[in-house]
Each structure stands twice: as structure tokens, then as C-alpha cells.
Amino acid sequence: MPTKIIMNSGKEYMIDENAEYVIESFFSENKMPMGNGSITVLRNTFITINNDKTIFINPSHVSSVETLD
């Protein structure tokens, strides 16, 4: 299903990925020192959000993610 990503600035992006996949790509897992598990953190770097690799966003500036019908 198509997904709309709305940035803090109000800019909107429409992509053909499902919302769960998009949201999962916003996070990374960091291993804790000494092997004490891991922690999930929001990425603070540019990632691509479409198959053509023409749209790059910083997930820390995403306001909302909506699934469209």
C-alpha cells in the first residue's frame, strides 16, 4: 500500500512502500558494550526511502507516516 511521509517542515513524500517497512528503516540496533544486549535507536543520518534511491530523508525530522488507501 502507498505510504505518505510528512516531514517537520510540512514537505510530503508519497512512496510505494508499506508503512511498517518504512518505519523499520528509521531505526537501527546498537550493541551494548561488554555484550549486555542491544538498544534500538532512531537514525540521525540520511536514508533513502524509495526504490529509485532519489529521495533521501533524515528520520529524526519525520513528523508522521500514513498508510493510504
N, C-alpha and C. Protein backbone atom coordinates (compact mmCIF):
# COMPACT_ATOMS: atom_id res chain seq x y z
N MET A 1 0.84 -1.18 0.00
CA MET A 1 0.00 0.00 0.00
C MET A 1 0.88 1.24 0.00
N PRO A 2 0.45 2.27 -0.68
CA PRO A 2 1.23 3.50 -0.71
C PRO A 2 1.30 4.14 0.68
N THR A 3 2.37 4.85 0.91
CA THR A 3 2.62 5.49 2.19
C THR A 3 2.96 6.95 1.97
N LYS A 4 2.45 7.80 2.87
CA LYS A 4 2.78 9.22 2.85
C LYS A 4 3.65 9.51 4.07
N ILE A 5 4.81 10.15 3.81
CA ILE A 5 5.71 10.56 4.89
C ILE A 5 5.65 12.07 4.96
N ILE A 6 5.35 12.60 6.14
CA ILE A 6 5.26 14.04 6.34
C ILE A 6 6.41 14.47 7.23
N MET A 7 7.18 15.43 6.76
CA MET A 7 8.34 15.93 7.48
C MET A 7 7.93 17.06 8.42
N ASN A 8 8.79 17.40 9.36
CA ASN A 8 8.54 18.51 10.29
C ASN A 8 8.30 19.82 9.55
N SER A 9 8.92 19.98 8.39
CA SER A 9 8.80 21.20 7.60
C SER A 9 7.47 21.28 6.86
N GLY A 10 6.71 20.18 6.83
CA GLY A 10 5.45 20.13 6.10
C GLY A 10 5.58 19.47 4.74
N LYS A 11 6.80 19.24 4.28
CA LYS A 11 7.03 18.57 3.00
C LYS A 11 6.48 17.15 3.08
N GLU A 12 5.79 16.71 2.02
CA GLU A 12 5.20 15.37 1.99
C GLU A 12 5.82 14.54 0.88
N TYR A 13 6.06 13.28 1.17
CA TYR A 13 6.58 12.33 0.20
C TYR A 13 5.61 11.17 0.09
N MET A 14 5.27 10.79 -1.13
CA MET A 14 4.42 9.62 -1.40
C MET A 14 5.31 8.54 -1.98
N ILE A 15 5.32 7.36 -1.37
CA ILE A 15 6.13 6.26 -1.86
C ILE A 15 5.30 4.99 -1.91
N ASP A 16 5.79 4.00 -2.66
CA ASP A 16 5.07 2.74 -2.85
C ASP A 16 5.57 1.64 -1.93
N GLU A 17 6.00 1.98 -0.75
CA GLU A 17 6.42 1.01 0.26
C GLU A 17 5.37 0.97 1.36
N ASN A 18 5.27 -0.16 2.07
CA ASN A 18 4.30 -0.20 3.16
C ASN A 18 4.87 0.52 4.39
N ALA A 19 3.99 1.00 5.24
CA ALA A 19 4.38 1.83 6.37
C ALA A 19 5.29 1.09 7.35
N GLU A 20 5.05 -0.19 7.59
CA GLU A 20 5.87 -0.94 8.53
C GLU A 20 7.32 -1.00 8.06
N TYR A 21 7.52 -1.23 6.76
CA TYR A 21 8.87 -1.28 6.20
C TYR A 21 9.56 0.08 6.36
N VAL A 22 8.83 1.15 6.08
CA VAL A 22 9.38 2.50 6.19
C VAL A 22 9.79 2.80 7.62
N ILE A 23 8.92 2.52 8.57
CA ILE A 23 9.22 2.81 9.97
C ILE A 23 10.39 1.97 10.46
N GLU A 24 10.46 0.70 10.06
CA GLU A 24 11.60 -0.14 10.46
C GLU A 24 12.92 0.43 9.95
N SER A 25 12.90 1.04 8.76
CA SER A 25 14.14 1.59 8.20
C SER A 25 14.61 2.83 8.96
N PHE A 26 13.76 3.43 9.77
CA PHE A 26 14.11 4.62 10.55
C PHE A 26 14.97 4.29 11.77
N PHE A 27 15.03 3.03 12.15
CA PHE A 27 15.72 2.63 13.38
C PHE A 27 16.90 1.72 13.09
N SER A 28 17.86 1.75 13.97
CA SER A 28 18.98 0.82 13.90
C SER A 28 19.19 0.23 15.29
N GLU A 29 19.88 -0.88 15.33
CA GLU A 29 20.12 -1.55 16.60
C GLU A 29 21.59 -1.44 16.95
N ASN A 30 21.88 -0.88 18.08
CA ASN A 30 23.26 -0.72 18.56
C ASN A 30 23.53 -1.73 19.65
N LYS A 31 24.63 -2.45 19.51
CA LYS A 31 25.01 -3.41 20.54
C LYS A 31 25.64 -2.68 21.72
N MET A 32 25.29 -3.12 22.89
CA MET A 32 25.82 -2.53 24.12
C MET A 32 27.23 -3.08 24.36
N PRO A 33 28.09 -2.27 24.99
CA PRO A 33 29.44 -2.77 25.30
C PRO A 33 29.39 -3.95 26.27
N MET A 34 30.38 -4.76 26.21
CA MET A 34 30.52 -5.92 27.10
C MET A 34 29.47 -6.99 26.83
N GLY A 35 28.80 -6.95 25.67
CA GLY A 35 27.85 -7.98 25.31
C GLY A 35 26.59 -8.00 26.12
N ASN A 36 26.17 -6.86 26.66
CA ASN A 36 24.99 -6.79 27.51
C ASN A 36 23.73 -6.46 26.72
N GLY A 37 23.54 -7.05 25.56
CA GLY A 37 22.33 -6.82 24.78
C GLY A 37 22.49 -5.70 23.77
N SER A 38 21.35 -5.13 23.38
CA SER A 38 21.37 -4.08 22.37
C SER A 38 20.25 -3.08 22.65
N ILE A 39 20.33 -1.95 21.96
CA ILE A 39 19.33 -0.90 22.13
C ILE A 39 18.92 -0.41 20.74
N THR A 40 17.64 -0.15 20.56
CA THR A 40 17.13 0.36 19.29
C THR A 40 17.10 1.88 19.36
N VAL A 41 17.70 2.52 18.33
CA VAL A 41 17.78 3.98 18.31
C VAL A 41 17.28 4.51 16.96
N LEU A 42 16.75 5.72 16.99
CA LEU A 42 16.32 6.40 15.78
C LEU A 42 17.55 6.88 15.03
N ARG A 43 17.62 6.58 13.74
CA ARG A 43 18.77 7.01 12.94
C ARG A 43 18.78 8.52 12.82
N ASN A 44 19.95 9.12 12.93
CA ASN A 44 20.11 10.55 12.74
C ASN A 44 21.08 10.77 11.58
N THR A 45 20.73 10.19 10.43
CA THR A 45 21.53 10.28 9.22
C THR A 45 20.58 10.15 8.03
N PHE A 46 21.04 10.48 6.84
CA PHE A 46 20.19 10.38 5.67
C PHE A 46 20.00 8.92 5.27
N ILE A 47 18.74 8.58 4.93
CA ILE A 47 18.42 7.26 4.38
C ILE A 47 17.58 7.48 3.14
N THR A 48 17.59 6.50 2.25
CA THR A 48 16.74 6.57 1.06
C THR A 48 15.41 5.89 1.36
N ILE A 49 14.32 6.44 0.84
CA ILE A 49 13.00 5.90 1.18
C ILE A 49 12.25 5.38 -0.03
N ASN A 50 12.88 5.37 -1.21
CA ASN A 50 12.19 4.83 -2.38
C ASN A 50 13.13 3.90 -3.14
N ASN A 51 12.55 3.08 -4.01
CA ASN A 51 13.34 2.09 -4.75
C ASN A 51 14.31 2.73 -5.74
N ASP A 52 13.96 3.91 -6.26
CA ASP A 52 14.82 4.59 -7.23
C ASP A 52 16.02 5.27 -6.60
N LYS A 53 16.04 5.31 -5.26
CA LYS A 53 17.10 5.98 -4.50
C LYS A 53 17.26 7.44 -4.92
N THR A 54 16.12 8.12 -5.07
CA THR A 54 16.13 9.53 -5.44
C THR A 54 15.65 10.44 -4.31
N ILE A 55 15.08 9.85 -3.26
CA ILE A 55 14.60 10.64 -2.12
C ILE A 55 15.38 10.21 -0.89
N PHE A 56 16.06 11.16 -0.26
CA PHE A 56 16.80 10.92 0.97
C PHE A 56 16.22 11.81 2.06
N ILE A 57 15.99 11.23 3.23
CA ILE A 57 15.47 12.00 4.36
C ILE A 57 16.25 11.63 5.61
N ASN A 58 16.15 12.48 6.61
CA ASN A 58 16.69 12.18 7.93
C ASN A 58 15.50 11.80 8.81
N PRO A 59 15.42 10.56 9.28
CA PRO A 59 14.27 10.10 10.05
C PRO A 59 13.99 10.92 11.30
N SER A 60 14.98 11.60 11.84
CA SER A 60 14.75 12.38 13.05
C SER A 60 13.89 13.62 12.76
N HIS A 61 13.63 13.91 11.48
CA HIS A 61 12.81 15.05 11.10
C HIS A 61 11.45 14.65 10.54
N VAL A 62 11.06 13.38 10.72
CA VAL A 62 9.76 12.90 10.24
C VAL A 62 8.69 13.24 11.27
N SER A 63 7.62 13.85 10.81
CA SER A 63 6.50 14.21 11.69
C SER A 63 5.51 13.05 11.79
N SER A 64 5.15 12.46 10.64
CA SER A 64 4.21 11.34 10.67
C SER A 64 4.35 10.47 9.43
N VAL A 65 3.85 9.25 9.55
CA VAL A 65 3.83 8.28 8.45
C VAL A 65 2.40 7.77 8.35
N GLU A 66 1.81 7.85 7.15
CA GLU A 66 0.42 7.45 6.96
C GLU A 66 0.31 6.42 5.85
N THR A 67 -0.54 5.41 6.05
CA THR A 67 -0.86 4.44 5.01
C THR A 67 -2.06 4.99 4.23
N LEU A 68 -1.94 4.98 2.90
CA LEU A 68 -3.02 5.48 2.05
C LEU A 68 -3.80 4.33 1.46
N ASP A 69 -5.06 4.57 1.17
CA ASP A 69 -5.91 3.53 0.55
C ASP A 69 -5.93 3.71 -0.95
